[in-house]
Amino acid sequence: MAMDDVIPEAVGGSAVTASKRRRYRRSRLASLMAVSLVALLSGPTSAGEAEMKEMVKDGGCPDCSMVRENMRGLDIDGADFRSSTLREADMKSVRLPGADFSGSAMQRTELERADLSGANFSEASMRGVDLEKSILTGADFTEADLRDADMEQAELQNVIFHNSDLRGAHMRRSKAEGAQFVGAKLMDTDLERAMAEGASFDDARMEGVDFDRASLRGATFRDADMRRARLSSTDLTGADLTGARLDDALLRRTNLSGANLTDVRGLDEEALALACGDADTKLPRGFTIKPCGGYE
C-alpha cells in the first residue's frame, strides 16, 4: 500500500491541505525508517530452548543455517556442524570439544571463552571470528580462512594451522607451544608476547609479522619468509631459521643463542649487531654476533 492510500482525505469535514499531507508523509517515513533501523541493529535471535535440546539430542546440526542465532550454553561432546552456516552466531562460552566444523561458514562468529579443544575447523570460512581466550588445544585449522581473527590469549597448544590464512589475525599472548603453522599465511599477524616454544613455521609467509617479546625457543622457521618481521626482545634460543628470509627484519635485543641461521637470506651485519647469541649460534659465513650475557 502506498503512503498516499493511508492518508485521510478529510479532517473535520474539510479537505486535507497539501501542507498537512506533506507533514504526514514525513512522519510516516520517519516511523518506517526507525523500525528498519531497530531490526538492523537488533542482536542475534535465540535458537530457543526446544531447538537447543534437539541439537543436543542429535549431537549437532550438520548443513544447518543458524545465522546470528544465540547458542550460548550449548554443551555437546563431538558435535557435528559440518558445512553449517553460523555467521555472526553468539556462541560465547559454549563447550564443544571434538566438534566438527569442517567446511562451515563462521565469519564473525562469537566464540569467546569457548571450549573447542580437538575441534575440526579444516577449510572453514572464519574471517573476523572471535576466539579470544578460547581453549583450542589440538584443534585442526588446516586451510581455514582466519583473516582478522581474534585469538588473543587463546590456548593453541599443538593446534594445526597447515596452509591456513591468518593474515592480520590478533594472537597476542596466545599459548601456541608445539603448534604447526607450516605453509600458513601470517602476514602482519600480531603474535606479540606469544608463547610458541617448539612451534613450526616452516615455509610460512610471514612478512611484517609481529613477534615482539614472544618466546619461540626451539621453534622452526625453515625457508619461511620473514621479511620486515618484528623480533624485538624475542627469544629464539635453539630455533632453526635455515633458509629463512630476514630482509629488513628488526632484531633488536633478539636472543639467538644456539639458533641455526645457516643459509639465511637477507641478513645484514647492521641488523645482526642489535641481536645477541652464543658459541652455539650458527651464522652464515663471515657474520659474527655478540654474546647475550649483557641482555640476561
Protein backbone atom coordinates (compact mmCIF):
# COMPACT_ATOMS: atom_id res chain seq x y z
CA MET A 1 0.00 0.00 0.00
CA ALA A 2 1.37 3.45 -0.91
CA MET A 3 1.58 6.13 1.75
CA ASP A 4 -0.97 8.27 -0.09
CA ASP A 5 -3.52 5.47 0.30
CA VAL A 6 -3.49 5.68 4.10
CA ILE A 7 -3.68 9.47 4.41
CA PRO A 8 -7.21 10.68 5.33
CA GLU A 9 -8.89 12.66 2.61
CA ALA A 10 -10.77 14.91 5.04
CA VAL A 11 -10.26 16.26 8.52
CA GLY A 12 -13.33 17.65 10.26
CA GLY A 13 -15.23 17.63 7.00
CA SER A 14 -12.67 19.72 5.10
CA ALA A 15 -10.12 18.60 2.51
CA VAL A 16 -6.59 17.87 3.73
CA THR A 17 -4.23 20.62 2.74
CA ALA A 18 -1.08 19.92 0.77
CA SER A 19 0.96 21.06 3.78
CA LYS A 20 -0.73 18.54 6.10
CA ARG A 21 -0.25 15.79 3.53
CA ARG A 22 3.48 16.54 3.32
CA ARG A 23 3.83 16.53 7.12
CA TYR A 24 2.04 13.16 7.30
CA ARG A 25 4.31 11.66 4.66
CA ARG A 26 7.42 12.85 6.53
CA SER A 27 6.13 11.44 9.83
CA ARG A 28 5.21 8.12 8.24
CA LEU A 29 8.61 7.82 6.51
CA ALA A 30 10.45 8.57 9.76
CA SER A 31 8.49 5.82 11.55
CA LEU A 32 9.28 3.26 8.85
CA MET A 33 12.98 4.17 8.94
CA ALA A 34 13.06 3.84 12.74
CA VAL A 35 11.53 0.35 12.59
CA SER A 36 14.02 -0.72 9.93
CA LEU A 37 16.95 0.60 11.98
CA VAL A 38 15.85 -1.27 15.09
CA ALA A 39 15.60 -4.51 13.08
CA LEU A 40 19.05 -3.92 11.61
CA LEU A 41 20.75 -3.26 14.94
CA SER A 42 18.99 -5.94 16.97
CA GLY A 43 21.17 -8.70 18.42
CA PRO A 44 21.22 -12.36 17.47
CA THR A 45 17.93 -14.21 17.62
CA SER A 46 17.64 -17.01 20.14
CA ALA A 47 17.78 -20.60 18.92
CA GLY A 48 15.13 -21.41 21.51
CA GLU A 49 15.18 -24.00 24.29
CA ALA A 50 13.42 -26.64 22.20
CA GLU A 51 15.85 -26.24 19.29
CA MET A 52 18.82 -26.36 21.66
CA LYS A 53 17.54 -29.60 23.24
CA GLU A 54 17.02 -31.07 19.78
CA MET A 55 20.57 -30.08 18.83
CA VAL A 56 21.96 -31.79 21.94
CA LYS A 57 19.84 -34.89 21.26
CA ASP A 58 21.02 -35.10 17.63
CA GLY A 59 24.64 -34.36 18.54
CA GLY A 60 24.83 -31.19 16.45
CA CYS A 61 23.28 -29.87 13.25
CA PRO A 62 25.22 -30.51 10.01
CA ASP A 63 24.32 -28.44 6.94
CA CYS A 64 22.12 -26.16 9.09
CA SER A 65 21.71 -22.39 8.78
CA MET A 66 21.96 -20.59 12.12
CA VAL A 67 22.92 -17.08 11.09
CA ARG A 68 23.04 -14.71 14.09
CA GLU A 69 21.47 -17.31 16.39
CA ASN A 70 22.02 -17.17 20.15
CA MET A 71 23.56 -20.53 21.02
CA ARG A 72 25.09 -19.75 24.39
CA GLY A 73 25.14 -22.62 26.86
CA LEU A 74 25.45 -25.32 24.20
CA ASP A 75 27.32 -28.33 25.63
CA ILE A 76 27.99 -31.33 23.35
CA ASP A 77 30.96 -33.69 23.03
CA GLY A 78 31.93 -34.46 19.44
CA ALA A 79 29.16 -32.32 17.91
CA ASP A 80 28.62 -32.39 14.14
CA PHE A 81 28.32 -28.96 12.49
CA ARG A 82 29.90 -29.84 9.16
CA SER A 83 29.14 -27.41 6.34
CA SER A 84 26.83 -25.36 8.56
CA THR A 85 26.28 -21.62 8.29
CA LEU A 86 27.00 -19.97 11.65
CA ARG A 87 27.81 -16.44 10.56
CA GLU A 88 27.66 -13.94 13.45
CA ALA A 89 26.15 -16.56 15.77
CA ASP A 90 26.59 -15.90 19.50
CA MET A 91 28.39 -18.96 20.83
CA LYS A 92 30.26 -17.43 23.73
CA SER A 93 31.42 -19.91 26.37
CA VAL A 94 29.98 -22.96 24.58
CA ARG A 95 31.51 -26.35 25.37
CA LEU A 96 32.03 -28.29 22.15
CA PRO A 97 35.22 -30.36 22.49
CA GLY A 98 35.94 -32.56 19.47
CA ALA A 99 33.29 -30.81 17.37
CA ASP A 100 33.43 -30.97 13.56
CA PHE A 101 33.04 -27.56 11.89
CA SER A 102 34.84 -28.52 8.69
CA GLY A 103 33.71 -26.51 5.67
CA SER A 104 31.43 -24.29 7.78
CA ALA A 105 30.77 -20.57 7.29
CA MET A 106 31.68 -18.87 10.59
CA GLN A 107 32.51 -15.30 9.64
CA ARG A 108 32.40 -13.03 12.71
CA THR A 109 31.03 -15.85 14.89
CA GLU A 110 31.44 -15.07 18.61
CA LEU A 111 33.27 -17.92 20.34
CA GLU A 112 34.96 -16.07 23.16
CA ARG A 113 35.97 -18.31 26.11
CA ALA A 114 34.63 -21.42 24.35
CA ASP A 115 36.00 -24.93 24.88
CA LEU A 116 36.76 -26.19 21.38
CA SER A 117 39.66 -28.47 22.19
CA GLY A 118 40.32 -31.04 19.48
CA ALA A 119 37.73 -29.49 17.16
CA ASN A 120 37.99 -29.74 13.37
CA PHE A 121 37.81 -26.40 11.50
CA SER A 122 39.51 -27.54 8.31
CA GLU A 123 38.54 -25.44 5.27
CA ALA A 124 36.15 -23.36 7.38
CA SER A 125 35.49 -19.70 6.46
CA MET A 126 36.17 -17.83 9.71
CA ARG A 127 37.21 -14.32 8.79
CA GLY A 128 36.78 -11.98 11.76
CA VAL A 129 35.83 -14.82 14.14
CA ASP A 130 36.19 -14.06 17.87
CA LEU A 131 38.12 -16.82 19.65
CA GLU A 132 39.59 -14.69 22.41
CA LYS A 133 40.57 -16.72 25.49
CA SER A 134 39.14 -19.89 23.98
CA ILE A 135 40.52 -23.39 24.54
CA LEU A 136 41.59 -24.76 21.17
CA THR A 137 44.23 -27.28 22.23
CA GLY A 138 44.79 -29.86 19.48
CA ALA A 139 42.28 -28.29 17.09
CA ASP A 140 42.73 -28.53 13.30
CA PHE A 141 42.51 -25.37 11.18
CA THR A 142 44.03 -26.82 8.01
CA GLU A 143 43.35 -24.45 5.08
CA ALA A 144 40.90 -22.40 7.16
CA ASP A 145 40.32 -18.71 6.41
CA LEU A 146 41.17 -16.94 9.69
CA ARG A 147 41.93 -13.47 8.38
CA ASP A 148 41.47 -10.79 11.05
CA ALA A 149 40.52 -13.45 13.61
CA ASP A 150 40.80 -12.57 17.32
CA MET A 151 42.75 -15.27 19.17
CA GLU A 152 44.21 -13.11 21.88
CA GLN A 153 45.16 -15.19 24.95
CA ALA A 154 43.74 -18.33 23.31
CA GLU A 155 45.13 -21.77 24.17
CA LEU A 156 46.58 -23.02 20.91
CA GLN A 157 48.90 -25.79 22.08
CA ASN A 158 49.54 -28.37 19.33
CA VAL A 159 46.99 -26.74 17.02
CA ILE A 160 47.36 -27.47 13.29
CA PHE A 161 47.32 -24.40 11.03
CA HIS A 162 48.69 -26.04 7.88
CA ASN A 163 48.19 -23.71 4.87
CA SER A 164 45.69 -21.61 6.81
CA ASP A 165 45.21 -17.89 6.16
CA LEU A 166 45.96 -15.90 9.33
CA ARG A 167 46.68 -12.55 7.72
CA GLY A 168 46.00 -9.71 10.15
CA ALA A 169 44.97 -12.08 12.95
CA HIS A 170 45.32 -10.96 16.58
CA MET A 171 47.14 -13.61 18.60
CA ARG A 172 48.75 -11.61 21.39
CA ARG A 173 49.69 -13.57 24.50
CA SER A 174 48.39 -16.79 22.96
CA LYS A 175 49.81 -20.11 24.13
CA ALA A 176 50.86 -21.93 20.99
CA GLU A 177 53.51 -24.38 22.16
CA GLY A 178 54.00 -27.11 19.55
CA ALA A 179 51.55 -25.52 17.10
CA GLN A 180 52.03 -26.25 13.38
CA PHE A 181 51.95 -23.22 11.07
CA VAL A 182 53.54 -25.00 8.10
CA GLY A 183 52.79 -23.15 4.86
CA ALA A 184 50.47 -20.70 6.63
CA LYS A 185 49.97 -17.04 5.71
CA LEU A 186 50.88 -14.85 8.68
CA MET A 187 51.45 -11.50 7.00
CA ASP A 188 51.01 -8.66 9.52
CA THR A 189 49.78 -11.12 12.16
CA ASP A 190 50.15 -9.93 15.77
CA LEU A 191 51.86 -12.57 17.92
CA GLU A 192 53.35 -10.18 20.46
CA ARG A 193 54.25 -11.94 23.75
CA ALA A 194 53.00 -15.27 22.37
CA MET A 195 54.36 -18.48 23.87
CA ALA A 196 55.21 -20.73 20.92
CA GLU A 197 58.12 -22.91 22.03
CA GLY A 198 58.68 -25.80 19.65
CA ALA A 199 56.18 -24.49 17.11
CA SER A 200 56.78 -25.00 13.39
CA PHE A 201 56.58 -22.09 10.94
CA ASP A 202 58.35 -23.88 8.08
CA ASP A 203 57.57 -22.47 4.60
CA ALA A 204 55.21 -19.90 6.14
CA ARG A 205 54.72 -16.44 4.62
CA MET A 206 55.25 -14.04 7.50
CA GLU A 207 56.06 -10.64 6.04
CA GLY A 208 55.53 -7.99 8.72
CA VAL A 209 54.62 -10.50 11.45
CA ASP A 210 54.94 -9.12 15.00
CA PHE A 211 56.82 -11.43 17.38
CA ASP A 212 57.92 -8.72 19.81
CA ARG A 213 58.72 -10.26 23.24
CA ALA A 214 57.49 -13.66 22.08
CA SER A 215 59.03 -16.90 23.35
CA LEU A 216 59.98 -19.04 20.34
CA ARG A 217 62.56 -21.34 21.90
CA GLY A 218 63.20 -24.37 19.72
CA ALA A 219 60.74 -23.23 17.05
CA THR A 220 61.49 -23.88 13.37
CA PHE A 221 61.31 -21.33 10.56
CA ARG A 222 62.93 -23.30 7.74
CA ASP A 223 62.53 -21.45 4.40
CA ALA A 224 60.00 -19.07 5.98
CA ASP A 225 59.53 -15.60 4.51
CA MET A 226 60.15 -13.28 7.48
CA ARG A 227 60.84 -10.04 5.66
CA ARG A 228 60.06 -6.99 7.84
CA ALA A 229 59.33 -9.27 10.82
CA ARG A 230 59.40 -7.64 14.24
CA LEU A 231 61.58 -9.73 16.55
CA SER A 232 62.34 -7.16 19.24
CA SER A 233 63.27 -8.83 22.57
CA THR A 234 62.18 -12.16 21.08
CA ASP A 235 63.63 -15.39 22.50
CA LEU A 236 64.76 -17.58 19.60
CA THR A 237 67.07 -19.77 21.66
CA GLY A 238 67.72 -23.01 19.78
CA ALA A 239 65.43 -22.00 16.91
CA ASP A 240 66.07 -23.25 13.36
CA LEU A 241 65.94 -20.48 10.74
CA THR A 242 67.73 -22.39 7.99
CA GLY A 243 67.00 -20.78 4.62
CA ALA A 244 64.62 -18.15 6.07
CA ARG A 245 64.38 -14.65 4.57
CA LEU A 246 65.12 -11.86 7.04
CA ASP A 247 65.29 -8.78 4.81
CA ASP A 248 64.59 -5.65 6.91
CA ALA A 249 63.69 -7.74 9.97
CA LEU A 250 64.02 -5.95 13.32
CA LEU A 251 66.37 -7.92 15.57
CA ARG A 252 66.70 -5.51 18.48
CA ARG A 253 67.73 -7.46 21.61
CA THR A 254 66.76 -10.73 19.90
CA ASN A 255 68.21 -13.78 21.66
CA LEU A 256 69.71 -16.13 19.06
CA SER A 257 71.64 -18.36 21.47
CA GLY A 258 72.07 -21.80 19.91
CA ALA A 259 69.95 -20.77 16.91
CA ASN A 260 70.70 -22.06 13.43
CA LEU A 261 70.88 -19.26 10.82
CA THR A 262 72.59 -21.36 8.16
CA ASP A 263 71.78 -20.12 4.65
CA VAL A 264 69.57 -17.30 5.99
CA ARG A 265 68.86 -14.78 3.25
CA GLY A 266 68.60 -11.00 3.51
CA LEU A 267 70.52 -10.76 6.80
CA ASP A 268 72.98 -7.89 7.18
CA GLU A 269 75.60 -7.03 9.83
CA GLU A 270 73.77 -3.86 10.88
CA ALA A 271 70.62 -5.78 11.79
CA LEU A 272 72.54 -8.61 13.45
CA ALA A 273 74.51 -6.13 15.55
CA LEU A 274 71.31 -5.44 17.55
CA ALA A 275 70.89 -9.14 18.44
CA CYS A 276 72.90 -11.49 20.63
CA GLY A 277 73.91 -15.15 20.63
CA ASP A 278 76.47 -17.56 21.98
CA ALA A 279 79.14 -20.01 20.86
CA ASP A 280 76.46 -22.42 19.61
CA THR A 281 74.80 -19.89 17.31
CA LYS A 282 75.29 -20.94 13.69
CA LEU A 283 75.72 -17.96 11.38
CA PRO A 284 76.23 -17.51 7.64
CA ARG A 285 79.88 -17.35 6.62
CA GLY A 286 81.50 -14.02 7.51
CA PHE A 287 78.98 -12.95 10.19
CA THR A 288 79.64 -12.52 13.90
CA ILE A 289 77.35 -11.92 16.87
CA LYS A 290 77.90 -10.50 20.33
CA PRO A 291 77.22 -12.63 23.42
CA CYS A 292 73.93 -12.38 25.27
CA GLY A 293 75.44 -12.03 28.74
CA GLY A 294 74.55 -8.34 29.00
CA TYR A 295 70.91 -8.96 27.99
CA GLU A 296 70.02 -11.57 30.55
